[in-house]
Amino acid sequence: MIYTIGHSNHPIDRFIALLQQHGIDAVADVRSTPYSRFNPQFSKEKLQAALAGAGMKYVFLGEELGARSKDPMCYDESGRVSYRRLASTELFRRGLDRLLTGMQNHRIAIMCDGRIEQVGSPHEVFARPANVFVASFIGTPQMNLIDAQFKSYGSGKAKVAFDQQDVDLSVNPAVAELKPGRVTLGIRPRAFTVVSEDTGDTIDAVAELIEPMGAETLIHARTRTGNDIRVVVARDKRVKTGEALHLVPDPAQTHVFAEDGKAVRA
């Protein structure tokens, strides 16, 4: 199980007490810069020493999972970080692998910048991630994060443009309050239904790699402009490499994140 925590301005004893309250025995620090001018007790070396004194492990994963990547390919044309690009890098995936490996032996809290990203049970965090950051690491296989342009909302559907096409997607009605602009779509691999043809509300991709997982099959697909899409289907659903896929997302599992990364929902 993984928790998330922000250090806020807590005294270090209070911070450690919060961790102990939830049985945490390891902290993964995903701050891009593991230092705090106003709360020096949370600078990397001091935090590591304090946690060790409480019998807890510390690992720095800011280079792998931090939001301020050194890779220029992780930023869009306006200079903003693209979480889809960030989450698709090999470095980010290695960071996730380290977390998943650590989960086998430790109860881990991911420490973000000085704020609590989300409080809730693992199921709540999985089903209703508060922002793109939480969505990017909760769940296996990882959630699909798709950069898109929100155009309009009507009749329960959002018209979004991505991959050189307009798609009408059923989404949370709170999206109606958004102004046209950049959004990130979050869709879990198990939230797709594969249909026989493009109906105007499908995401189209081509299967590139088929990965059997026992009762399920993981399909690695690619859209016409190169976006990676992960799709999980039942084992008896036969898909071939090179096959065109028309994917309808489950509205209840289609998340829209505004330009600031926060989830848009009622």
C-alpha atoms as a PDB file:
ATOM      1  CA  MET A   1       0.000   0.000   0.000  1.00  0.00           C
ATOM      2  CA  ILE A   2       1.224   3.534  -0.796  1.00  0.00           C
ATOM      3  CA  TYR A   3       0.218   6.758   0.947  1.00  0.00           C
ATOM      4  CA  THR A   4       0.937  10.351  -0.011  1.00  0.00           C
ATOM      5  CA  ILE A   5       1.930  13.073   2.422  1.00  0.00           C
ATOM      6  CA  GLY A   6       3.019  16.715   2.306  1.00  0.00           C
ATOM      7  CA  HIS A   7       5.372  18.083   4.934  1.00  0.00           C
ATOM      8  CA  SER A   8       3.526  21.444   5.322  1.00  0.00           C
ATOM      9  CA  ASN A   9       5.250  23.372   8.140  1.00  0.00           C
ATOM     10  CA  HIS A  10       5.030  20.590  10.723  1.00  0.00           C
ATOM     11  CA  PRO A  11       7.763  20.210  13.321  1.00  0.00           C
ATOM     12  CA  ILE A  12       9.695  17.089  12.432  1.00  0.00           C
ATOM     13  CA  ASP A  13       8.380  15.223  15.510  1.00  0.00           C
ATOM     14  CA  ARG A  14       4.783  15.853  14.411  1.00  0.00           C
ATOM     15  CA  PHE A  15       5.590  14.752  10.856  1.00  0.00           C
ATOM     16  CA  ILE A  16       7.092  11.488  12.088  1.00  0.00           C
ATOM     17  CA  ALA A  17       4.118  10.942  14.403  1.00  0.00           C
ATOM     18  CA  LEU A  18       1.777  11.234  11.411  1.00  0.00           C
ATOM     19  CA  LEU A  19       3.782   8.591   9.595  1.00  0.00           C
ATOM     20  CA  GLN A  20       3.783   6.285  12.607  1.00  0.00           C
ATOM     21  CA  GLN A  21       0.044   6.752  13.005  1.00  0.00           C
ATOM     22  CA  HIS A  22      -0.422   5.017   9.651  1.00  0.00           C
ATOM     23  CA  GLY A  23       2.269   2.405  10.144  1.00  0.00           C
ATOM     24  CA  ILE A  24       4.619   3.957   7.577  1.00  0.00           C
ATOM     25  CA  ASP A  25       8.164   2.576   7.641  1.00  0.00           C
ATOM     26  CA  ALA A  26       9.598   4.147   4.470  1.00  0.00           C
ATOM     27  CA  VAL A  27       9.381   7.560   2.804  1.00  0.00           C
ATOM     28  CA  ALA A  28       9.900   8.135  -0.927  1.00  0.00           C
ATOM     29  CA  ASP A  29      10.760  11.798  -1.502  1.00  0.00           C
ATOM     30  CA  VAL A  30       9.562  12.857  -4.974  1.00  0.00           C
ATOM     31  CA  ARG A  31      10.317  16.564  -4.656  1.00  0.00           C
ATOM     32  CA  SER A  32      12.401  17.698  -7.595  1.00  0.00           C
ATOM     33  CA  THR A  33      14.390  19.875  -5.190  1.00  0.00           C
ATOM     34  CA  PRO A  34      14.590  18.150  -1.779  1.00  0.00           C
ATOM     35  CA  TYR A  35      15.214  21.294   0.231  1.00  0.00           C
ATOM     36  CA  SER A  36      13.053  23.863   2.011  1.00  0.00           C
ATOM     37  CA  ARG A  37      14.209  27.382   2.851  1.00  0.00           C
ATOM     38  CA  PHE A  38      11.365  28.003   5.286  1.00  0.00           C
ATOM     39  CA  ASN A  39      11.238  24.509   6.782  1.00  0.00           C
ATOM     40  CA  PRO A  40      14.861  23.347   6.901  1.00  0.00           C
ATOM     41  CA  GLN A  41      13.895  20.273   8.943  1.00  0.00           C
ATOM     42  CA  PHE A  42      12.648  18.841   5.634  1.00  0.00           C
ATOM     43  CA  SER A  43      15.872  19.327   3.726  1.00  0.00           C
ATOM     44  CA  LYS A  44      17.105  16.015   2.411  1.00  0.00           C
ATOM     45  CA  GLU A  45      19.971  15.297   4.830  1.00  0.00           C
ATOM     46  CA  LYS A  46      18.130  16.427   7.980  1.00  0.00           C
ATOM     47  CA  LEU A  47      14.978  14.539   7.003  1.00  0.00           C
ATOM     48  CA  GLN A  48      16.903  11.381   6.223  1.00  0.00           C
ATOM     49  CA  ALA A  49      18.650  11.518   9.609  1.00  0.00           C
ATOM     50  CA  ALA A  50      15.400  12.158  11.497  1.00  0.00           C
ATOM     51  CA  LEU A  51      13.635   9.270   9.778  1.00  0.00           C
ATOM     52  CA  ALA A  52      16.562   6.938  10.445  1.00  0.00           C
ATOM     53  CA  GLY A  53      16.358   7.884  14.125  1.00  0.00           C
ATOM     54  CA  ALA A  54      12.704   6.776  14.083  1.00  0.00           C
ATOM     55  CA  GLY A  55      13.558   3.491  12.376  1.00  0.00           C
ATOM     56  CA  MET A  56      12.255   4.553   8.961  1.00  0.00           C
ATOM     57  CA  LYS A  57      13.931   4.334   5.586  1.00  0.00           C
ATOM     58  CA  TYR A  58      14.307   7.276   3.183  1.00  0.00           C
ATOM     59  CA  VAL A  59      14.806   7.201  -0.566  1.00  0.00           C
ATOM     60  CA  PHE A  60      15.038  10.159  -2.919  1.00  0.00           C
ATOM     61  CA  LEU A  61      13.088   9.675  -6.174  1.00  0.00           C
ATOM     62  CA  GLY A  62      12.831  13.296  -7.262  1.00  0.00           C
ATOM     63  CA  GLU A  63      14.919  12.714 -10.373  1.00  0.00           C
ATOM     64  CA  GLU A  64      12.659   9.859 -11.468  1.00  0.00           C
ATOM     65  CA  LEU A  65       9.206  11.045 -10.345  1.00  0.00           C
ATOM     66  CA  GLY A  66       9.570  14.780  -9.731  1.00  0.00           C
ATOM     67  CA  ALA A  67       7.532  17.221 -11.818  1.00  0.00           C
ATOM     68  CA  ARG A  68      10.513  19.379 -12.831  1.00  0.00           C
ATOM     69  CA  SER A  69      12.216  17.064 -15.255  1.00  0.00           C
ATOM     70  CA  LYS A  70      15.620  17.843 -16.720  1.00  0.00           C
ATOM     71  CA  ASP A  71      14.442  16.319 -19.996  1.00  0.00           C
ATOM     72  CA  PRO A  72      13.275  19.112 -22.365  1.00  0.00           C
ATOM     73  CA  MET A  73      11.031  16.596 -24.133  1.00  0.00           C
ATOM     74  CA  CYS A  74       8.790  16.556 -21.022  1.00  0.00           C
ATOM     75  CA  TYR A  75       7.602  20.114 -21.678  1.00  0.00           C
ATOM     76  CA  ASP A  76       5.097  21.396 -24.211  1.00  0.00           C
ATOM     77  CA  GLU A  77       5.499  24.275 -26.627  1.00  0.00           C
ATOM     78  CA  SER A  78       4.539  26.816 -23.951  1.00  0.00           C
ATOM     79  CA  GLY A  79       7.129  25.480 -21.491  1.00  0.00           C
ATOM     80  CA  ARG A  80       4.646  23.734 -19.195  1.00  0.00           C
ATOM     81  CA  VAL A  81       5.343  20.221 -18.025  1.00  0.00           C
ATOM     82  CA  SER A  82       3.398  17.566 -19.952  1.00  0.00           C
ATOM     83  CA  TYR A  83       2.521  14.826 -17.471  1.00  0.00           C
ATOM     84  CA  ARG A  84       1.802  12.454 -20.329  1.00  0.00           C
ATOM     85  CA  ARG A  85       5.323  12.911 -21.666  1.00  0.00           C
ATOM     86  CA  LEU A  86       6.820  12.789 -18.190  1.00  0.00           C
ATOM     87  CA  ALA A  87       4.997   9.582 -17.301  1.00  0.00           C
ATOM     88  CA  SER A  88       6.091   7.908 -20.543  1.00  0.00           C
ATOM     89  CA  THR A  89       9.827   8.368 -19.953  1.00  0.00           C
ATOM     90  CA  GLU A  90      12.027   5.427 -19.078  1.00  0.00           C
ATOM     91  CA  LEU A  91      13.288   7.307 -16.019  1.00  0.00           C
ATOM     92  CA  PHE A  92       9.747   7.742 -14.655  1.00  0.00           C
ATOM     93  CA  ARG A  93       8.982   4.074 -15.246  1.00  0.00           C
ATOM     94  CA  ARG A  94      12.131   3.052 -13.392  1.00  0.00           C
ATOM     95  CA  GLY A  95      10.967   5.188 -10.476  1.00  0.00           C
ATOM     96  CA  LEU A  96       7.585   3.436 -10.489  1.00  0.00           C
ATOM     97  CA  ASP A  97       9.312   0.063 -10.590  1.00  0.00           C
ATOM     98  CA  ARG A  98      11.331   1.012  -7.513  1.00  0.00           C
ATOM     99  CA  LEU A  99       8.122   1.994  -5.702  1.00  0.00           C
ATOM    100  CA  LEU A 100       6.377  -1.239  -6.643  1.00  0.00           C
ATOM    101  CA  THR A 101       9.383  -3.260  -5.529  1.00  0.00           C
ATOM    102  CA  GLY A 102       9.522  -1.360  -2.246  1.00  0.00           C
ATOM    103  CA  MET A 103       5.831  -2.020  -1.610  1.00  0.00           C
ATOM    104  CA  GLN A 104       6.582  -5.718  -1.257  1.00  0.00           C
ATOM    105  CA  ASN A 105       8.509  -5.128   1.965  1.00  0.00           C
ATOM    106  CA  HIS A 106       7.523  -1.667   3.201  1.00  0.00           C
ATOM    107  CA  ARG A 107       4.542   0.560   3.890  1.00  0.00           C
ATOM    108  CA  ILE A 108       5.530   3.620   1.867  1.00  0.00           C
ATOM    109  CA  ALA A 109       4.520   7.273   1.992  1.00  0.00           C
ATOM    110  CA  ILE A 110       5.301   9.382  -1.046  1.00  0.00           C
ATOM    111  CA  MET A 111       6.330  12.852   0.064  1.00  0.00           C
ATOM    112  CA  CYS A 112       5.443  15.629  -2.351  1.00  0.00           C
ATOM    113  CA  ASP A 113       6.093  19.367  -2.120  1.00  0.00           C
ATOM    114  CA  GLY A 114       4.863  21.107   1.009  1.00  0.00           C
ATOM    115  CA  ARG A 115       1.248  20.136   0.696  1.00  0.00           C
ATOM    116  CA  ILE A 116      -0.937  17.074   1.056  1.00  0.00           C
ATOM    117  CA  GLU A 117      -1.832  15.970  -2.456  1.00  0.00           C
ATOM    118  CA  GLN A 118      -4.786  13.813  -1.417  1.00  0.00           C
ATOM    119  CA  VAL A 119      -6.214  12.155   1.665  1.00  0.00           C
ATOM    120  CA  GLY A 120      -8.355   9.051   1.290  1.00  0.00           C
ATOM    121  CA  SER A 121      -8.411   5.295   1.247  1.00  0.00           C
ATOM    122  CA  PRO A 122      -6.382   3.552  -1.479  1.00  0.00           C
ATOM    123  CA  HIS A 123      -9.649   2.793  -3.301  1.00  0.00           C
ATOM    124  CA  GLU A 124     -10.759   6.445  -3.200  1.00  0.00           C
ATOM    125  CA  VAL A 125      -7.388   7.682  -4.408  1.00  0.00           C
ATOM    126  CA  PHE A 126      -7.447   5.135  -7.239  1.00  0.00           C
ATOM    127  CA  ALA A 127     -11.027   5.903  -8.319  1.00  0.00           C
ATOM    128  CA  ARG A 128     -10.925   9.690  -7.885  1.00  0.00           C
ATOM    129  CA  PRO A 129      -7.366  11.018  -8.141  1.00  0.00           C
ATOM    130  CA  ALA A 130      -7.269  14.661  -7.102  1.00  0.00           C
ATOM    131  CA  ASN A 131      -4.712  15.707  -9.690  1.00  0.00           C
ATOM    132  CA  VAL A 132      -2.459  14.503 -12.459  1.00  0.00           C
ATOM    133  CA  PHE A 133       0.431  13.883 -10.098  1.00  0.00           C
ATOM    134  CA  VAL A 134      -1.537  11.373  -8.005  1.00  0.00           C
ATOM    135  CA  ALA A 135      -3.078   9.814 -11.119  1.00  0.00           C
ATOM    136  CA  SER A 136       0.343   9.260 -12.674  1.00  0.00           C
ATOM    137  CA  PHE A 137       1.558   6.754 -10.090  1.00  0.00           C
ATOM    138  CA  ILE A 138      -1.552   5.145  -8.549  1.00  0.00           C
ATOM    139  CA  GLY A 139      -2.589   1.977 -10.366  1.00  0.00           C
ATOM    140  CA  THR A 140      -0.987  -0.769 -12.438  1.00  0.00           C
ATOM    141  CA  PRO A 141      -0.835  -0.661 -15.406  1.00  0.00           C
ATOM    142  CA  GLN A 142      -0.360   3.088 -15.223  1.00  0.00           C
ATOM    143  CA  MET A 143      -3.230   5.427 -16.152  1.00  0.00           C
ATOM    144  CA  ASN A 144      -3.173   6.775 -19.698  1.00  0.00           C
ATOM    145  CA  LEU A 145      -2.536  10.535 -19.592  1.00  0.00           C
ATOM    146  CA  ILE A 146      -3.451  12.249 -22.858  1.00  0.00           C
ATOM    147  CA  ASP A 147      -2.754  15.877 -23.704  1.00  0.00           C
ATOM    148  CA  ALA A 148      -5.796  17.420 -25.387  1.00  0.00           C
ATOM    149  CA  GLN A 149      -7.550  20.691 -26.151  1.00  0.00           C
ATOM    150  CA  PHE A 150     -10.957  21.153 -24.584  1.00  0.00           C
ATOM    151  CA  LYS A 151     -13.295  22.866 -27.060  1.00  0.00           C
ATOM    152  CA  SER A 152     -16.823  22.744 -25.701  1.00  0.00           C
ATOM    153  CA  TYR A 153     -19.372  20.836 -23.628  1.00  0.00           C
ATOM    154  CA  GLY A 154     -22.918  19.841 -24.472  1.00  0.00           C
ATOM    155  CA  SER A 155     -25.403  17.008 -23.952  1.00  0.00           C
ATOM    156  CA  GLY A 156     -23.177  15.401 -21.345  1.00  0.00           C
ATOM    157  CA  LYS A 157     -20.137  15.235 -23.613  1.00  0.00           C
ATOM    158  CA  ALA A 158     -16.938  17.185 -23.954  1.00  0.00           C
ATOM    159  CA  LYS A 159     -15.577  17.882 -27.411  1.00  0.00           C
ATOM    160  CA  VAL A 160     -11.814  17.552 -27.217  1.00  0.00           C
ATOM    161  CA  ALA A 161      -9.159  17.711 -29.899  1.00  0.00           C
ATOM    162  CA  PHE A 162      -6.115  15.501 -29.891  1.00  0.00           C
ATOM    163  CA  ASP A 163      -4.278  13.260 -32.296  1.00  0.00           C
ATOM    164  CA  GLN A 164      -5.531  15.362 -35.243  1.00  0.00           C
ATOM    165  CA  GLN A 165      -9.162  14.561 -34.528  1.00  0.00           C
ATOM    166  CA  ASP A 166     -12.129  15.833 -32.537  1.00  0.00           C
ATOM    167  CA  VAL A 167     -13.655  13.329 -30.130  1.00  0.00           C
ATOM    168  CA  ASP A 168     -16.863  13.604 -28.105  1.00  0.00           C
ATOM    169  CA  LEU A 169     -16.349  12.000 -24.706  1.00  0.00           C
ATOM    170  CA  SER A 170     -18.862  11.470 -21.901  1.00  0.00           C
ATOM    171  CA  VAL A 171     -17.350  13.156 -18.859  1.00  0.00           C
ATOM    172  CA  ASN A 172     -18.187  14.577 -15.454  1.00  0.00           C
ATOM    173  CA  PRO A 173     -20.708  17.442 -15.853  1.00  0.00           C
ATOM    174  CA  ALA A 174     -18.392  19.803 -13.943  1.00  0.00           C
ATOM    175  CA  VAL A 175     -16.347  19.992 -17.154  1.00  0.00           C
ATOM    176  CA  ALA A 176     -19.076  22.300 -18.511  1.00  0.00           C
ATOM    177  CA  GLU A 177     -17.560  25.084 -16.373  1.00  0.00           C
ATOM    178  CA  LEU A 178     -14.182  24.876 -18.095  1.00  0.00           C
ATOM    179  CA  LYS A 179     -13.078  27.461 -20.606  1.00  0.00           C
ATOM    180  CA  PRO A 180     -11.618  26.163 -23.880  1.00  0.00           C
ATOM    181  CA  GLY A 181      -7.968  25.318 -23.442  1.00  0.00           C
ATOM    182  CA  ARG A 182      -5.406  22.689 -22.588  1.00  0.00           C
ATOM    183  CA  VAL A 183      -6.480  19.688 -20.493  1.00  0.00           C
ATOM    184  CA  THR A 184      -5.163  16.246 -19.666  1.00  0.00           C
ATOM    185  CA  LEU A 185      -7.410  13.221 -20.086  1.00  0.00           C
ATOM    186  CA  GLY A 186      -6.837  10.384 -17.643  1.00  0.00           C
ATOM    187  CA  ILE A 187      -8.182   6.964 -18.621  1.00  0.00           C
ATOM    188  CA  ARG A 188      -7.214   3.711 -16.952  1.00  0.00           C
ATOM    189  CA  PRO A 189      -6.254   0.787 -19.206  1.00  0.00           C
ATOM    190  CA  ARG A 190      -9.208  -1.292 -17.971  1.00  0.00           C
ATOM    191  CA  ALA A 191     -11.693   1.523 -18.676  1.00  0.00           C
ATOM    192  CA  PHE A 192     -11.852   0.969 -22.442  1.00  0.00           C
ATOM    193  CA  THR A 193     -14.354  -1.008 -24.479  1.00  0.00           C
ATOM    194  CA  VAL A 194     -13.080  -2.135 -27.859  1.00  0.00           C
ATOM    195  CA  VAL A 195     -15.764  -1.600 -30.534  1.00  0.00           C
ATOM    196  CA  SER A 196     -15.874  -2.553 -34.194  1.00  0.00           C
ATOM    197  CA  GLU A 197     -15.824   0.890 -35.791  1.00  0.00           C
ATOM    198  CA  ASP A 198     -15.130   4.583 -35.244  1.00  0.00           C
ATOM    199  CA  THR A 199     -18.332   6.244 -34.042  1.00  0.00           C
ATOM    200  CA  GLY A 200     -17.043   9.749 -33.333  1.00  0.00           C
ATOM    201  CA  ASP A 201     -16.640   9.060 -29.631  1.00  0.00           C
ATOM    202  CA  THR A 202     -13.790   6.576 -29.957  1.00  0.00           C
ATOM    203  CA  ILE A 203     -10.065   6.909 -29.474  1.00  0.00           C
ATOM    204  CA  ASP A 204      -8.353   5.212 -32.403  1.00  0.00           C
ATOM    205  CA  ALA A 205      -5.012   3.433 -32.149  1.00  0.00           C
ATOM    206  CA  VAL A 206      -3.062   0.516 -33.591  1.00  0.00           C
ATOM    207  CA  ALA A 207      -1.943  -2.447 -31.482  1.00  0.00           C
ATOM    208  CA  GLU A 208       1.861  -2.666 -31.390  1.00  0.00           C
ATOM    209  CA  LEU A 209       2.591  -5.152 -28.615  1.00  0.00           C
ATOM    210  CA  ILE A 210       0.432  -7.855 -27.032  1.00  0.00           C
ATOM    211  CA  GLU A 211       1.352  -8.841 -23.473  1.00  0.00           C
ATOM    212  CA  PRO A 212      -0.570 -11.789 -21.939  1.00  0.00           C
ATOM    213  CA  MET A 213      -1.124 -11.402 -18.172  1.00  0.00           C
ATOM    214  CA  GLY A 214      -3.001 -14.577 -17.300  1.00  0.00           C
ATOM    215  CA  ALA A 215      -6.710 -13.746 -17.052  1.00  0.00           C
ATOM    216  CA  GLU A 216      -6.150 -10.490 -18.947  1.00  0.00           C
ATOM    217  CA  THR A 217      -4.154  -9.168 -21.867  1.00  0.00           C
ATOM    218  CA  LEU A 218      -2.296  -5.864 -21.906  1.00  0.00           C
ATOM    219  CA  ILE A 219      -2.228  -4.162 -25.295  1.00  0.00           C
ATOM    220  CA  HIS A 220       0.353  -1.483 -26.022  1.00  0.00           C
ATOM    221  CA  ALA A 221      -1.113   0.647 -28.800  1.00  0.00           C
ATOM    222  CA  ARG A 222      -0.143   3.859 -30.580  1.00  0.00           C
ATOM    223  CA  THR A 223      -2.277   6.623 -32.056  1.00  0.00           C
ATOM    224  CA  ARG A 224      -1.633   8.173 -35.462  1.00  0.00           C
ATOM    225  CA  THR A 225       0.512  10.947 -33.960  1.00  0.00           C
ATOM    226  CA  GLY A 226       2.510   8.640 -31.714  1.00  0.00           C
ATOM    227  CA  ASN A 227       0.675   8.770 -28.392  1.00  0.00           C
ATOM    228  CA  ASP A 228       1.049   5.559 -26.395  1.00  0.00           C
ATOM    229  CA  ILE A 229      -2.185   3.983 -25.154  1.00  0.00           C
ATOM    230  CA  ARG A 230      -2.356   1.025 -22.782  1.00  0.00           C
ATOM    231  CA  VAL A 231      -5.476  -1.143 -22.948  1.00  0.00           C
ATOM    232  CA  VAL A 232      -6.346  -4.162 -20.784  1.00  0.00           C
ATOM    233  CA  VAL A 233      -8.885  -6.657 -22.145  1.00  0.00           C
ATOM    234  CA  ALA A 234     -10.134 -10.073 -21.076  1.00  0.00           C
ATOM    235  CA  ARG A 235      -7.983 -13.010 -22.144  1.00  0.00           C
ATOM    236  CA  ASP A 236     -10.620 -14.257 -24.589  1.00  0.00           C
ATOM    237  CA  LYS A 237     -10.579 -10.952 -26.511  1.00  0.00           C
ATOM    238  CA  ARG A 238      -8.300 -11.730 -29.461  1.00  0.00           C
ATOM    239  CA  VAL A 239      -6.259  -8.811 -30.781  1.00  0.00           C
ATOM    240  CA  LYS A 240      -3.413  -9.037 -33.282  1.00  0.00           C
ATOM    241  CA  THR A 241      -0.367  -6.848 -33.650  1.00  0.00           C
ATOM    242  CA  GLY A 242      -1.098  -4.187 -36.271  1.00  0.00           C
ATOM    243  CA  GLU A 243      -4.852  -4.348 -35.707  1.00  0.00           C
ATOM    244  CA  ALA A 244      -6.772  -1.058 -35.635  1.00  0.00           C
ATOM    245  CA  LEU A 245      -8.509  -0.457 -32.311  1.00  0.00           C
ATOM    246  CA  HIS A 246     -11.540   1.765 -31.714  1.00  0.00           C
ATOM    247  CA  LEU A 247     -11.712   2.488 -28.001  1.00  0.00           C
ATOM    248  CA  VAL A 248     -14.678   3.846 -26.045  1.00  0.00           C
ATOM    249  CA  PRO A 249     -13.761   5.042 -22.539  1.00  0.00           C
ATOM    250  CA  ASP A 250     -16.048   4.314 -19.593  1.00  0.00           C
ATOM    251  CA  PRO A 251     -17.481   7.752 -18.618  1.00  0.00           C
ATOM    252  CA  ALA A 252     -17.242   6.898 -14.918  1.00  0.00           C
ATOM    253  CA  GLN A 253     -13.512   6.312 -15.346  1.00  0.00           C
ATOM    254  CA  THR A 254     -12.699   9.173 -17.711  1.00  0.00           C
ATOM    255  CA  HIS A 255     -10.952  11.912 -15.756  1.00  0.00           C
ATOM    256  CA  VAL A 256     -10.410  15.456 -16.985  1.00  0.00           C
ATOM    257  CA  PHE A 257      -7.599  17.448 -15.424  1.00  0.00           C
ATOM    258  CA  ALA A 258      -7.510  21.209 -15.946  1.00  0.00           C
ATOM    259  CA  GLU A 259      -4.457  23.115 -17.055  1.00  0.00           C
ATOM    260  CA  ASP A 260      -3.308  23.439 -13.440  1.00  0.00           C
ATOM    261  CA  GLY A 261      -3.378  19.641 -13.108  1.00  0.00           C
ATOM    262  CA  LYS A 262      -6.416  19.467 -10.813  1.00  0.00           C
ATOM    263  CA  ALA A 263      -9.277  17.052 -11.476  1.00  0.00           C
ATOM    264  CA  VAL A 264     -12.487  18.610 -12.798  1.00  0.00           C
ATOM    265  CA  ARG A 265     -15.462  16.902 -11.206  1.00  0.00           C
ATOM    266  CA  ALA A 266     -18.615  17.698  -9.262  1.00  0.00           C
END
